[in-house]
Amino acid sequence: MLETRRVWTLVLTSVAFFMVALDSLVVVTALPAIHRDLGGSLSTLEWTVNAFTLVYAAGIITAAALGDRLGRRLVFVAGLAVFTMASAGCALAPSTAWLIAARSLQGLGAAMVMPLSLTILTAAFPAARRGAVVGLWGGIGGLAIASGPLIGGALTQGLDWHWIFWVNVPIGLAAILLSLRRLAETRG
């Protein structure tokens, strides 16, 4: 039973990490399509990337501290919920202002998910195995970063730019439900 919980912890934290890391880059390749659809100046479109990054960077330490105090799983799941809802908001954006606001919320969700995914993962494994699982987790994040432009381009060209955000919704909802059932609650 304990080993099954550890596998679920590795899978769920890695999926969340992949989703958040991927979303930091898929938007870049979709910017021309977003511009054709929503308009806006180049500097306005740059804020669809910058809003995510700024809120993420500003919130990561606070989110980690909240996880230590309130419960890591609780804040992690809340972050997944914010990220997932914001992804739907991005996909439904009728204007660049709406998209920038939704991307800011995505950044907040990412700030809640990213540090806690690693903390939850390391708490689930004994010290002797942490190096291997953190290496695997980091490799999955590296894969997300490397494949972000490719996946963003494929979704934008094959379907529509909205799908770079829609793809997060079913994955995020499944991750929320499974995290509530399969992750142990820990505090710092």
C-alpha atoms as a PDB file:
ATOM      1  CA  MET A   1       0.000   0.000   0.000  1.00  0.00           C
ATOM      2  CA  LEU A   2       2.810   2.424   0.884  1.00  0.00           C
ATOM      3  CA  GLU A   3       4.614   1.748  -2.398  1.00  0.00           C
ATOM      4  CA  THR A   4       1.392   2.332  -4.360  1.00  0.00           C
ATOM      5  CA  ARG A   5       0.971   5.691  -2.619  1.00  0.00           C
ATOM      6  CA  ARG A   6       4.537   6.580  -3.544  1.00  0.00           C
ATOM      7  CA  VAL A   7       3.945   5.715  -7.204  1.00  0.00           C
ATOM      8  CA  TRP A   8       0.797   7.848  -7.237  1.00  0.00           C
ATOM      9  CA  THR A   9       2.751  10.668  -5.596  1.00  0.00           C
ATOM     10  CA  LEU A  10       5.435  10.489  -8.279  1.00  0.00           C
ATOM     11  CA  VAL A  11       2.860  10.367 -11.085  1.00  0.00           C
ATOM     12  CA  LEU A  12       0.644  13.173  -9.792  1.00  0.00           C
ATOM     13  CA  THR A  13       3.435  15.564  -8.868  1.00  0.00           C
ATOM     14  CA  SER A  14       5.156  14.906 -12.190  1.00  0.00           C
ATOM     15  CA  VAL A  15       1.968  15.468 -14.197  1.00  0.00           C
ATOM     16  CA  ALA A  16       1.368  18.743 -12.368  1.00  0.00           C
ATOM     17  CA  PHE A  17       4.975  19.813 -12.908  1.00  0.00           C
ATOM     18  CA  PHE A  18       4.778  18.892 -16.604  1.00  0.00           C
ATOM     19  CA  MET A  19       1.536  20.831 -17.059  1.00  0.00           C
ATOM     20  CA  VAL A  20       2.849  23.984 -15.360  1.00  0.00           C
ATOM     21  CA  ALA A  21       6.272  23.896 -17.029  1.00  0.00           C
ATOM     22  CA  LEU A  22       4.719  23.269 -20.418  1.00  0.00           C
ATOM     23  CA  ASP A  23       2.322  26.190 -20.070  1.00  0.00           C
ATOM     24  CA  SER A  24       5.143  28.592 -19.453  1.00  0.00           C
ATOM     25  CA  LEU A  25       6.327  27.948 -23.034  1.00  0.00           C
ATOM     26  CA  VAL A  26       3.437  26.821 -25.255  1.00  0.00           C
ATOM     27  CA  VAL A  27       2.035  30.328 -25.414  1.00  0.00           C
ATOM     28  CA  VAL A  28       5.106  31.720 -27.161  1.00  0.00           C
ATOM     29  CA  THR A  29       4.505  29.686 -30.301  1.00  0.00           C
ATOM     30  CA  ALA A  30       0.808  30.562 -30.300  1.00  0.00           C
ATOM     31  CA  LEU A  31       1.309  34.348 -30.106  1.00  0.00           C
ATOM     32  CA  PRO A  32       0.929  34.957 -33.867  1.00  0.00           C
ATOM     33  CA  ALA A  33      -2.375  33.028 -33.909  1.00  0.00           C
ATOM     34  CA  ILE A  34      -3.564  34.832 -30.777  1.00  0.00           C
ATOM     35  CA  HIS A  35      -2.659  38.144 -32.413  1.00  0.00           C
ATOM     36  CA  ARG A  36      -4.672  37.272 -35.548  1.00  0.00           C
ATOM     37  CA  ASP A  37      -7.673  36.310 -33.419  1.00  0.00           C
ATOM     38  CA  LEU A  38      -7.642  38.868 -30.593  1.00  0.00           C
ATOM     39  CA  GLY A  39      -5.551  41.691 -32.036  1.00  0.00           C
ATOM     40  CA  GLY A  40      -3.525  43.901 -29.752  1.00  0.00           C
ATOM     41  CA  SER A  41      -0.055  45.313 -30.041  1.00  0.00           C
ATOM     42  CA  LEU A  42       3.135  43.302 -29.766  1.00  0.00           C
ATOM     43  CA  SER A  43       3.799  44.690 -26.278  1.00  0.00           C
ATOM     44  CA  THR A  44       0.269  43.717 -25.197  1.00  0.00           C
ATOM     45  CA  LEU A  45       0.776  40.192 -26.485  1.00  0.00           C
ATOM     46  CA  GLU A  46       4.093  39.941 -24.650  1.00  0.00           C
ATOM     47  CA  TRP A  47       2.128  40.400 -21.434  1.00  0.00           C
ATOM     48  CA  THR A  48       0.406  37.060 -22.026  1.00  0.00           C
ATOM     49  CA  VAL A  49       3.821  35.557 -21.295  1.00  0.00           C
ATOM     50  CA  ASN A  50       5.054  38.139 -18.768  1.00  0.00           C
ATOM     51  CA  ALA A  51       1.899  38.108 -16.616  1.00  0.00           C
ATOM     52  CA  PHE A  52       2.267  34.377 -16.005  1.00  0.00           C
ATOM     53  CA  THR A  53       5.976  34.641 -15.230  1.00  0.00           C
ATOM     54  CA  LEU A  54       5.716  37.638 -12.896  1.00  0.00           C
ATOM     55  CA  VAL A  55       2.888  36.273 -10.790  1.00  0.00           C
ATOM     56  CA  TYR A  56       4.549  32.859 -10.677  1.00  0.00           C
ATOM     57  CA  ALA A  57       7.888  34.299  -9.547  1.00  0.00           C
ATOM     58  CA  ALA A  58       6.275  36.602  -6.998  1.00  0.00           C
ATOM     59  CA  GLY A  59       4.070  33.903  -5.484  1.00  0.00           C
ATOM     60  CA  ILE A  60       6.269  30.836  -5.297  1.00  0.00           C
ATOM     61  CA  ILE A  61       7.826  31.474  -1.857  1.00  0.00           C
ATOM     62  CA  THR A  62       4.532  32.546  -0.291  1.00  0.00           C
ATOM     63  CA  ALA A  63       2.758  29.488  -1.704  1.00  0.00           C
ATOM     64  CA  ALA A  64       5.451  27.162  -0.337  1.00  0.00           C
ATOM     65  CA  ALA A  65       5.171  28.780   3.096  1.00  0.00           C
ATOM     66  CA  LEU A  66       1.368  28.474   3.015  1.00  0.00           C
ATOM     67  CA  GLY A  67       1.743  24.804   2.138  1.00  0.00           C
ATOM     68  CA  ASP A  68       3.990  24.287   5.145  1.00  0.00           C
ATOM     69  CA  ARG A  69       1.446  25.931   7.443  1.00  0.00           C
ATOM     70  CA  LEU A  70      -1.926  24.925   5.993  1.00  0.00           C
ATOM     71  CA  GLY A  71      -1.019  21.594   4.451  1.00  0.00           C
ATOM     72  CA  ARG A  72       0.923  20.866   1.306  1.00  0.00           C
ATOM     73  CA  ARG A  73      -1.721  18.743  -0.364  1.00  0.00           C
ATOM     74  CA  LEU A  74      -4.378  21.352   0.384  1.00  0.00           C
ATOM     75  CA  VAL A  75      -2.410  24.195  -1.209  1.00  0.00           C
ATOM     76  CA  PHE A  76      -1.226  21.939  -4.061  1.00  0.00           C
ATOM     77  CA  VAL A  77      -4.805  20.949  -4.915  1.00  0.00           C
ATOM     78  CA  ALA A  78      -5.963  24.563  -4.590  1.00  0.00           C
ATOM     79  CA  GLY A  79      -3.164  25.539  -6.983  1.00  0.00           C
ATOM     80  CA  LEU A  80      -4.251  22.854  -9.439  1.00  0.00           C
ATOM     81  CA  ALA A  81      -7.821  24.177  -9.222  1.00  0.00           C
ATOM     82  CA  VAL A  82      -6.726  27.784  -9.826  1.00  0.00           C
ATOM     83  CA  PHE A  83      -4.467  26.720 -12.696  1.00  0.00           C
ATOM     84  CA  THR A  84      -7.191  24.579 -14.293  1.00  0.00           C
ATOM     85  CA  MET A  85      -9.903  27.237 -14.010  1.00  0.00           C
ATOM     86  CA  ALA A  86      -7.515  29.880 -15.319  1.00  0.00           C
ATOM     87  CA  SER A  87      -6.667  27.617 -18.264  1.00  0.00           C
ATOM     88  CA  ALA A  88     -10.357  27.486 -19.161  1.00  0.00           C
ATOM     89  CA  GLY A  89     -10.472  31.267 -18.761  1.00  0.00           C
ATOM     90  CA  CYS A  90      -7.548  31.626 -21.163  1.00  0.00           C
ATOM     91  CA  ALA A  91      -9.228  29.368 -23.713  1.00  0.00           C
ATOM     92  CA  LEU A  92     -12.430  31.409 -23.508  1.00  0.00           C
ATOM     93  CA  ALA A  93     -10.689  34.805 -23.641  1.00  0.00           C
ATOM     94  CA  PRO A  94     -12.574  37.248 -25.898  1.00  0.00           C
ATOM     95  CA  SER A  95      -9.842  39.897 -25.623  1.00  0.00           C
ATOM     96  CA  THR A  96      -6.156  40.311 -24.834  1.00  0.00           C
ATOM     97  CA  ALA A  97      -7.027  41.952 -21.496  1.00  0.00           C
ATOM     98  CA  TRP A  98      -9.036  38.880 -20.485  1.00  0.00           C
ATOM     99  CA  LEU A  99      -6.226  36.584 -21.646  1.00  0.00           C
ATOM    100  CA  ILE A 100      -3.624  38.531 -19.645  1.00  0.00           C
ATOM    101  CA  ALA A 101      -5.802  38.409 -16.520  1.00  0.00           C
ATOM    102  CA  ALA A 102      -6.374  34.677 -16.918  1.00  0.00           C
ATOM    103  CA  ARG A 103      -2.650  34.107 -17.521  1.00  0.00           C
ATOM    104  CA  SER A 104      -1.958  35.972 -14.267  1.00  0.00           C
ATOM    105  CA  LEU A 105      -4.257  33.545 -12.453  1.00  0.00           C
ATOM    106  CA  GLN A 106      -2.506  30.669 -14.178  1.00  0.00           C
ATOM    107  CA  GLY A 107       0.775  32.008 -12.817  1.00  0.00           C
ATOM    108  CA  LEU A 108      -0.710  32.059  -9.321  1.00  0.00           C
ATOM    109  CA  GLY A 109      -1.826  28.452  -9.679  1.00  0.00           C
ATOM    110  CA  ALA A 110       1.614  27.509 -11.006  1.00  0.00           C
ATOM    111  CA  ALA A 111       3.254  29.201  -8.016  1.00  0.00           C
ATOM    112  CA  MET A 112       1.150  27.032  -5.726  1.00  0.00           C
ATOM    113  CA  VAL A 113       1.753  23.799  -7.634  1.00  0.00           C
ATOM    114  CA  MET A 114       5.428  23.916  -8.528  1.00  0.00           C
ATOM    115  CA  PRO A 115       7.222  24.086  -5.156  1.00  0.00           C
ATOM    116  CA  LEU A 116       4.705  21.870  -3.412  1.00  0.00           C
ATOM    117  CA  SER A 117       4.928  19.157  -6.045  1.00  0.00           C
ATOM    118  CA  LEU A 118       8.595  18.723  -5.169  1.00  0.00           C
ATOM    119  CA  THR A 119       8.009  18.971  -1.418  1.00  0.00           C
ATOM    120  CA  ILE A 120       5.184  16.416  -1.519  1.00  0.00           C
ATOM    121  CA  LEU A 121       7.347  14.112  -3.611  1.00  0.00           C
ATOM    122  CA  THR A 122      10.379  14.271  -1.331  1.00  0.00           C
ATOM    123  CA  ALA A 123       8.222  13.744   1.771  1.00  0.00           C
ATOM    124  CA  ALA A 124       6.807  10.529   0.279  1.00  0.00           C
ATOM    125  CA  PHE A 125      10.145   8.810  -0.334  1.00  0.00           C
ATOM    126  CA  PRO A 126      12.908   7.772   2.050  1.00  0.00           C
ATOM    127  CA  ALA A 127      16.186   9.682   1.858  1.00  0.00           C
ATOM    128  CA  ALA A 128      17.949   6.827   0.058  1.00  0.00           C
ATOM    129  CA  ARG A 129      15.531   7.036  -2.907  1.00  0.00           C
ATOM    130  CA  ARG A 130      15.018  10.797  -3.085  1.00  0.00           C
ATOM    131  CA  GLY A 131      17.860  11.455  -5.499  1.00  0.00           C
ATOM    132  CA  ALA A 132      16.401   9.067  -8.060  1.00  0.00           C
ATOM    133  CA  VAL A 133      12.818  10.320  -7.811  1.00  0.00           C
ATOM    134  CA  VAL A 134      13.841  13.994  -7.823  1.00  0.00           C
ATOM    135  CA  GLY A 135      15.990  13.248 -10.881  1.00  0.00           C
ATOM    136  CA  LEU A 136      13.011  11.614 -12.584  1.00  0.00           C
ATOM    137  CA  TRP A 137      10.753  14.529 -11.608  1.00  0.00           C
ATOM    138  CA  GLY A 138      13.313  17.011 -12.936  1.00  0.00           C
ATOM    139  CA  GLY A 139      13.709  15.040 -16.155  1.00  0.00           C
ATOM    140  CA  ILE A 140       9.956  15.202 -16.724  1.00  0.00           C
ATOM    141  CA  GLY A 141      10.094  18.967 -16.182  1.00  0.00           C
ATOM    142  CA  GLY A 142      12.970  19.225 -18.640  1.00  0.00           C
ATOM    143  CA  LEU A 143      10.941  17.255 -21.167  1.00  0.00           C
ATOM    144  CA  ALA A 144       8.065  19.713 -20.719  1.00  0.00           C
ATOM    145  CA  ILE A 145      10.348  22.673 -21.291  1.00  0.00           C
ATOM    146  CA  ALA A 146      11.962  21.102 -24.329  1.00  0.00           C
ATOM    147  CA  SER A 147       8.655  20.039 -25.865  1.00  0.00           C
ATOM    148  CA  GLY A 148       6.692  23.209 -25.025  1.00  0.00           C
ATOM    149  CA  PRO A 149       7.273  25.008 -28.328  1.00  0.00           C
ATOM    150  CA  LEU A 150       6.697  21.799 -30.296  1.00  0.00           C
ATOM    151  CA  ILE A 151       3.436  20.969 -28.519  1.00  0.00           C
ATOM    152  CA  GLY A 152       2.281  24.591 -28.671  1.00  0.00           C
ATOM    153  CA  GLY A 153       2.970  24.744 -32.390  1.00  0.00           C
ATOM    154  CA  ALA A 154       1.288  21.399 -33.072  1.00  0.00           C
ATOM    155  CA  LEU A 155      -1.866  22.328 -31.146  1.00  0.00           C
ATOM    156  CA  THR A 156      -2.010  25.783 -32.694  1.00  0.00           C
ATOM    157  CA  GLN A 157      -1.493  24.517 -36.240  1.00  0.00           C
ATOM    158  CA  GLY A 158      -3.502  21.301 -35.914  1.00  0.00           C
ATOM    159  CA  LEU A 159      -6.460  22.626 -33.955  1.00  0.00           C
ATOM    160  CA  ASP A 160      -6.483  26.220 -32.704  1.00  0.00           C
ATOM    161  CA  TRP A 161      -4.567  28.344 -30.189  1.00  0.00           C
ATOM    162  CA  HIS A 162      -7.372  27.843 -27.664  1.00  0.00           C
ATOM    163  CA  TRP A 163      -6.370  24.186 -27.350  1.00  0.00           C
ATOM    164  CA  ILE A 164      -3.040  25.011 -25.727  1.00  0.00           C
ATOM    165  CA  PHE A 165      -5.216  25.939 -22.743  1.00  0.00           C
ATOM    166  CA  TRP A 166      -8.132  23.500 -23.135  1.00  0.00           C
ATOM    167  CA  VAL A 167      -5.770  20.535 -22.896  1.00  0.00           C
ATOM    168  CA  ASN A 168      -5.062  21.481 -19.258  1.00  0.00           C
ATOM    169  CA  VAL A 169      -8.693  21.266 -18.159  1.00  0.00           C
ATOM    170  CA  PRO A 170      -9.327  17.492 -18.214  1.00  0.00           C
ATOM    171  CA  ILE A 171      -5.776  16.769 -17.029  1.00  0.00           C
ATOM    172  CA  GLY A 172      -6.118  19.299 -14.217  1.00  0.00           C
ATOM    173  CA  LEU A 173      -9.525  17.987 -13.123  1.00  0.00           C
ATOM    174  CA  ALA A 174      -8.249  14.403 -13.050  1.00  0.00           C
ATOM    175  CA  ALA A 175      -5.139  15.499 -11.128  1.00  0.00           C
ATOM    176  CA  ILE A 176      -7.282  17.334  -8.563  1.00  0.00           C
ATOM    177  CA  LEU A 177      -9.539  14.334  -7.925  1.00  0.00           C
ATOM    178  CA  LEU A 178      -6.669  11.855  -7.785  1.00  0.00           C
ATOM    179  CA  SER A 179      -4.571  14.132  -5.563  1.00  0.00           C
ATOM    180  CA  LEU A 180      -7.387  14.369  -3.039  1.00  0.00           C
ATOM    181  CA  ARG A 181      -7.603  10.571  -2.935  1.00  0.00           C
ATOM    182  CA  ARG A 182      -3.996   9.487  -3.363  1.00  0.00           C
ATOM    183  CA  LEU A 183      -1.664  12.110  -1.845  1.00  0.00           C
ATOM    184  CA  ALA A 184      -0.880  12.221   1.833  1.00  0.00           C
ATOM    185  CA  GLU A 185      -1.217  15.541   3.642  1.00  0.00           C
ATOM    186  CA  THR A 186       2.045  16.875   5.057  1.00  0.00           C
ATOM    187  CA  ARG A 187       3.177  20.059   6.756  1.00  0.00           C
ATOM    188  CA  GLY A 188       6.538  21.706   7.227  1.00  0.00           C
END
